[in-house]
Amino acid sequence: MTIDLILVGCGNMGHAMLAGWITAGRIPAARVVVVEPNESLRLRAAALGLSAHATAQEIAPDCQPRVVIFAVKPQVMRQVVPDYSRFKAGGAAFVSIAAGTPVGTFEELLGADAPIIRCMPNTPAAIGKGMMVLFANNNISPEQDEFVRDLLSANGAIASIDDEDLMDAVTAVSGSGPAYVFHFIECLTEAARTAGLPDDVAKLLAMQTVYGAGALAAESDEEPGKLRQNVTSPNGTTAAGLAVLMGGDRLKQLLAETVEAAKQRGIELRD
């Protein structure tokens, strides 16, 4: 029995990405098998119209997926992955969306000839606005690469890197980046309150301004620096505010230190 996908782990991120694949028509629910030991999460997955099991041993012996995707915590990866090595013989590719676990670990557990893709998504993938960065070993075929890219494109934008060591920088920028932006929204909201705006208005102004500016930057042909200049009149209010943010490269330096700290922690947590 050939299916398209086995998804191992269906927590919040795994379920959100899976729902995106099915909703976008990238994959029929009937061609998906989920393995999730948590009963409530397993039932939630099954509600999408797919087969869901508690363990890998419950998967039909004649089941052969095109791809196996691991969406479990890095701490349990070494215990989970070997149960799926049997699918390599049938031509399955293996994809990990867990932070910190290098391709070498999967090659150790599945064999050096296993086709493996490491993916670093971020939480906006849950609404189709994510950033997915991929690193593949040399065993991935063009057909496998195309299938995985088409699947993940339902969750947002995709980029590739050729040097796996760069994945720590990827994690520090786009993986952790949403949290930085959320905190910026928190701070801008608090600044708006301090400036005298009511709580509900302050929150709306902060969130919609960040959302709108991000959307404009993504859709514009102009660089963000040019967009900034376009709204900065000489000696105007924006210029006064930017003089604080940009004075002495304060924000630039702060973000550089933030990304470096997250990158170094990623290096420390490598499997």
Protein backbone atom coordinates (compact mmCIF):
# COMPACT_ATOMS: atom_id res chain seq x y z
CA MET A 1 0.00 0.00 0.00
CA THR A 2 1.66 3.20 -1.18
CA ILE A 3 0.86 6.39 0.70
CA ASP A 4 2.34 9.85 0.45
CA LEU A 5 3.26 10.62 4.02
CA ILE A 6 3.84 9.35 7.52
CA LEU A 7 3.87 12.18 10.05
CA VAL A 8 5.55 11.19 13.31
CA GLY A 9 4.33 13.50 16.07
CA CYS A 10 1.25 15.65 15.70
CA GLY A 11 1.53 18.34 18.36
CA ASN A 12 0.69 21.97 17.69
CA MET A 13 3.31 22.58 14.99
CA GLY A 14 2.90 19.19 13.32
CA HIS A 15 -0.89 19.46 13.29
CA ALA A 16 -0.86 23.03 11.99
CA MET A 17 1.49 22.16 9.14
CA LEU A 18 -0.47 19.00 8.32
CA ALA A 19 -3.77 20.90 8.25
CA GLY A 20 -2.15 23.40 5.89
CA TRP A 21 -1.03 20.63 3.51
CA ILE A 22 -4.49 19.09 3.39
CA THR A 23 -6.41 22.38 3.18
CA ALA A 24 -4.19 23.64 0.37
CA GLY A 25 -4.72 20.41 -1.55
CA ARG A 26 -1.04 19.45 -1.44
CA ILE A 27 -1.91 15.99 -0.17
CA PRO A 28 -5.16 14.00 0.28
CA ALA A 29 -5.94 13.09 3.89
CA ALA A 30 -6.53 9.49 2.80
CA ARG A 31 -2.86 9.21 1.80
CA VAL A 32 -1.53 10.32 5.20
CA VAL A 33 -0.70 8.25 8.28
CA VAL A 34 -0.04 9.94 11.62
CA VAL A 35 1.76 8.35 14.55
CA GLU A 36 1.02 10.16 17.82
CA PRO A 37 1.10 8.46 21.25
CA ASN A 38 -1.01 11.16 22.94
CA GLU A 39 -4.63 10.09 22.58
CA SER A 40 -6.20 13.56 22.41
CA LEU A 41 -3.69 14.71 19.79
CA ARG A 42 -4.18 11.48 17.87
CA LEU A 43 -7.96 11.96 17.80
CA ARG A 44 -7.50 15.56 16.68
CA ALA A 45 -5.36 14.36 13.79
CA ALA A 46 -7.84 11.61 12.87
CA ALA A 47 -10.57 14.26 12.63
CA LEU A 48 -8.81 15.48 9.47
CA GLY A 49 -9.84 12.24 7.78
CA LEU A 50 -6.56 10.31 7.98
CA SER A 51 -5.29 7.17 9.67
CA ALA A 52 -3.74 7.74 13.10
CA HIS A 53 -1.84 5.27 15.28
CA ALA A 54 -0.23 5.31 18.70
CA THR A 55 2.99 3.56 17.62
CA ALA A 56 4.96 2.76 14.48
CA GLN A 57 4.27 -0.92 15.03
CA GLU A 58 0.56 -0.32 14.29
CA ILE A 59 1.30 0.82 10.73
CA ALA A 60 0.30 -1.81 8.18
CA PRO A 61 3.25 -4.00 7.10
CA ASP A 62 2.61 -3.25 3.41
CA CYS A 63 2.48 0.51 3.95
CA GLN A 64 5.13 2.37 1.94
CA PRO A 65 5.33 6.17 2.25
CA ARG A 66 7.03 8.58 -0.13
CA VAL A 67 8.23 10.59 2.87
CA VAL A 68 8.45 10.23 6.65
CA ILE A 69 8.37 13.53 8.55
CA PHE A 70 9.59 13.68 12.15
CA ALA A 71 7.88 16.38 14.21
CA VAL A 72 8.91 15.21 17.68
CA LYS A 73 11.09 16.82 20.31
CA PRO A 74 14.86 16.53 19.68
CA GLN A 75 15.29 14.85 23.06
CA VAL A 76 13.37 11.74 21.94
CA MET A 77 14.59 11.60 18.34
CA ARG A 78 17.12 8.81 18.94
CA GLN A 79 14.42 6.63 20.50
CA VAL A 80 11.82 7.34 17.79
CA VAL A 81 13.68 7.32 14.47
CA PRO A 82 14.89 3.66 14.32
CA ASP A 83 11.28 2.43 14.25
CA TYR A 84 10.93 3.91 10.75
CA SER A 85 14.13 2.59 9.17
CA ARG A 86 12.13 -0.17 7.43
CA PHE A 87 10.66 2.40 5.05
CA LYS A 88 14.05 3.27 3.57
CA ALA A 89 14.10 0.10 1.47
CA GLY A 90 10.94 1.25 -0.32
CA GLY A 91 12.45 4.59 -1.31
CA ALA A 92 11.12 6.86 1.43
CA ALA A 93 12.78 10.19 2.14
CA PHE A 94 13.08 11.36 5.75
CA VAL A 95 12.41 14.93 6.85
CA SER A 96 13.00 16.43 10.29
CA ILE A 97 11.43 19.67 11.50
CA ALA A 98 13.09 19.42 14.92
CA ALA A 99 15.60 22.09 15.89
CA GLY A 100 19.12 21.09 16.76
CA THR A 101 19.27 17.54 15.42
CA PRO A 102 21.80 17.38 12.55
CA VAL A 103 21.52 15.25 9.43
CA GLY A 104 24.44 13.17 10.70
CA THR A 105 22.30 11.86 13.55
CA PHE A 106 19.68 10.59 11.10
CA GLU A 107 22.38 9.03 8.92
CA GLU A 108 23.68 7.27 12.02
CA LEU A 109 20.21 5.96 12.91
CA LEU A 110 18.93 5.20 9.40
CA GLY A 111 22.12 4.48 7.48
CA ALA A 112 24.53 6.65 5.52
CA ASP A 113 22.55 6.03 2.33
CA ALA A 114 19.27 7.38 3.73
CA PRO A 115 17.81 10.41 1.90
CA ILE A 116 17.38 13.11 4.54
CA ILE A 117 16.15 16.70 4.61
CA ARG A 118 16.46 18.89 7.67
CA CYS A 119 13.85 21.67 7.84
CA MET A 120 13.73 24.66 10.19
CA PRO A 121 10.19 26.10 10.18
CA ASN A 122 8.80 28.85 12.38
CA THR A 123 5.44 29.31 14.08
CA PRO A 124 3.79 31.45 11.35
CA ALA A 125 3.84 28.24 9.31
CA ALA A 126 0.65 27.46 11.24
CA ILE A 127 -1.19 30.10 9.17
CA GLY A 128 0.67 29.61 5.90
CA LYS A 129 2.98 32.58 6.54
CA GLY A 130 6.01 30.70 7.79
CA MET A 131 9.65 30.56 6.76
CA MET A 132 11.05 27.10 6.05
CA VAL A 133 14.79 26.63 5.48
CA LEU A 134 16.01 23.30 4.12
CA PHE A 135 19.28 21.41 4.12
CA ALA A 136 19.43 18.08 2.26
CA ASN A 137 22.08 15.40 2.15
CA ASN A 138 23.38 14.06 -1.17
CA ASN A 139 20.98 11.12 -1.16
CA ILE A 140 17.87 13.17 -1.86
CA SER A 141 16.64 12.74 -5.43
CA PRO A 142 15.23 15.63 -7.49
CA GLU A 143 11.79 14.00 -7.30
CA GLN A 144 11.93 13.74 -3.51
CA ASP A 145 13.15 17.32 -3.22
CA GLU A 146 10.31 18.56 -5.44
CA PHE A 147 7.69 16.64 -3.47
CA VAL A 148 8.88 17.98 -0.11
CA ARG A 149 9.13 21.56 -1.40
CA ASP A 150 5.64 21.43 -2.88
CA LEU A 151 4.29 20.12 0.42
CA LEU A 152 6.03 22.73 2.58
CA SER A 153 5.16 25.62 0.28
CA ALA A 154 1.64 25.44 1.71
CA ASN A 155 3.12 26.69 4.98
CA GLY A 156 4.98 29.72 3.61
CA ALA A 157 8.24 30.64 1.93
CA ILE A 158 11.12 28.19 1.39
CA ALA A 159 14.87 28.75 1.21
CA SER A 160 17.78 26.30 1.01
CA ILE A 161 21.30 26.28 2.42
CA ASP A 162 24.26 24.18 1.29
CA ASP A 163 26.19 24.37 4.58
CA GLU A 164 24.40 22.71 7.50
CA ASP A 165 26.44 24.71 10.00
CA LEU A 166 24.40 27.74 8.89
CA MET A 167 21.29 26.16 10.40
CA ASP A 168 22.19 27.64 13.79
CA ALA A 169 22.06 31.11 12.24
CA VAL A 170 18.79 30.21 10.51
CA THR A 171 17.32 29.14 13.83
CA ALA A 172 18.52 32.34 15.48
CA VAL A 173 16.96 34.55 12.79
CA SER A 174 13.77 32.96 11.46
CA GLY A 175 13.22 30.15 13.95
CA SER A 176 13.42 32.38 17.02
CA GLY A 177 12.62 35.59 15.12
CA PRO A 178 8.84 35.56 15.65
CA ALA A 179 9.44 35.82 19.40
CA TYR A 180 11.58 38.92 18.84
CA VAL A 181 8.79 40.49 16.79
CA PHE A 182 6.16 39.56 19.38
CA HIS A 183 8.26 41.26 22.02
CA PHE A 184 8.62 44.33 19.80
CA ILE A 185 4.81 44.45 19.58
CA GLU A 186 4.63 44.19 23.37
CA CYS A 187 7.07 47.06 23.77
CA LEU A 188 5.42 49.24 21.14
CA THR A 189 2.04 48.62 22.81
CA GLU A 190 3.42 49.64 26.20
CA ALA A 191 5.02 52.75 24.69
CA ALA A 192 1.65 53.65 23.16
CA ARG A 193 -0.02 53.29 26.55
CA THR A 194 2.64 55.45 28.14
CA ALA A 195 1.98 58.06 25.44
CA GLY A 196 -1.64 58.20 26.62
CA LEU A 197 -3.52 55.85 24.31
CA PRO A 198 -6.20 53.50 25.72
CA ASP A 199 -5.14 49.88 26.09
CA ASP A 200 -7.26 48.51 23.24
CA VAL A 201 -6.18 51.24 20.85
CA ALA A 202 -2.53 50.88 21.85
CA LYS A 203 -2.61 47.14 21.17
CA LEU A 204 -4.37 47.53 17.83
CA LEU A 205 -2.01 50.26 16.64
CA ALA A 206 1.07 48.23 17.54
CA MET A 207 -0.08 44.94 16.01
CA GLN A 208 -1.57 46.39 12.83
CA THR A 209 1.43 48.65 12.24
CA VAL A 210 3.87 45.73 12.46
CA TYR A 211 1.60 43.53 10.34
CA GLY A 212 1.07 46.20 7.69
CA ALA A 213 4.71 47.22 7.52
CA GLY A 214 5.80 43.60 7.17
CA ALA A 215 3.26 42.97 4.42
CA LEU A 216 4.30 46.13 2.58
CA ALA A 217 7.99 45.19 2.80
CA ALA A 218 7.22 41.70 1.48
CA GLU A 219 5.15 42.94 -1.46
CA SER A 220 7.17 46.02 -2.42
CA ASP A 221 9.90 46.04 -5.04
CA GLU A 222 11.85 48.50 -2.88
CA GLU A 223 14.31 47.55 -0.17
CA PRO A 224 13.24 48.06 3.47
CA GLY A 225 15.81 50.85 3.81
CA LYS A 226 14.20 52.72 0.94
CA LEU A 227 10.74 52.21 2.39
CA ARG A 228 12.02 53.66 5.65
CA GLN A 229 13.38 56.69 3.84
CA ASN A 230 10.09 57.15 2.00
CA VAL A 231 8.19 57.77 5.23
CA THR A 232 10.89 59.83 6.92
CA SER A 233 10.43 63.54 6.26
CA PRO A 234 13.41 65.74 7.20
CA ASN A 235 13.02 67.04 10.75
CA GLY A 236 9.63 65.29 11.03
CA THR A 237 8.17 63.03 13.70
CA THR A 238 9.49 59.81 12.12
CA ALA A 239 12.97 61.28 11.90
CA ALA A 240 12.81 62.19 15.58
CA GLY A 241 11.84 58.65 16.52
CA LEU A 242 14.42 57.04 14.27
CA ALA A 243 17.12 59.23 15.75
CA VAL A 244 16.55 57.32 18.99
CA LEU A 245 16.33 53.84 17.40
CA MET A 246 19.21 54.35 15.00
CA GLY A 247 21.42 56.64 17.06
CA GLY A 248 24.73 54.91 17.67
CA ASP A 249 23.32 51.91 15.78
CA ARG A 250 21.45 51.01 18.98
CA LEU A 251 18.82 48.75 17.44
CA LYS A 252 21.24 47.29 14.89
CA GLN A 253 23.69 46.35 17.62
CA LEU A 254 20.97 44.98 19.90
CA LEU A 255 19.62 42.70 17.18
CA ALA A 256 23.12 41.55 16.24
CA GLU A 257 23.72 40.57 19.87
CA THR A 258 20.30 38.88 20.06
CA VAL A 259 20.89 36.73 16.99
CA GLU A 260 24.43 35.85 18.07
CA ALA A 261 23.21 34.75 21.52
CA ALA A 262 20.54 32.53 19.98
CA LYS A 263 23.03 31.15 17.44
CA GLN A 264 25.54 30.23 20.13
CA ARG A 265 22.85 28.52 22.18
CA GLY A 266 21.90 26.52 19.10
CA ILE A 267 25.50 25.40 18.73
CA GLU A 268 25.54 24.33 22.38
CA LEU A 269 22.37 22.29 21.91
CA ARG A 270 23.55 20.36 18.85
CA ASP A 271 22.87 16.66 19.18
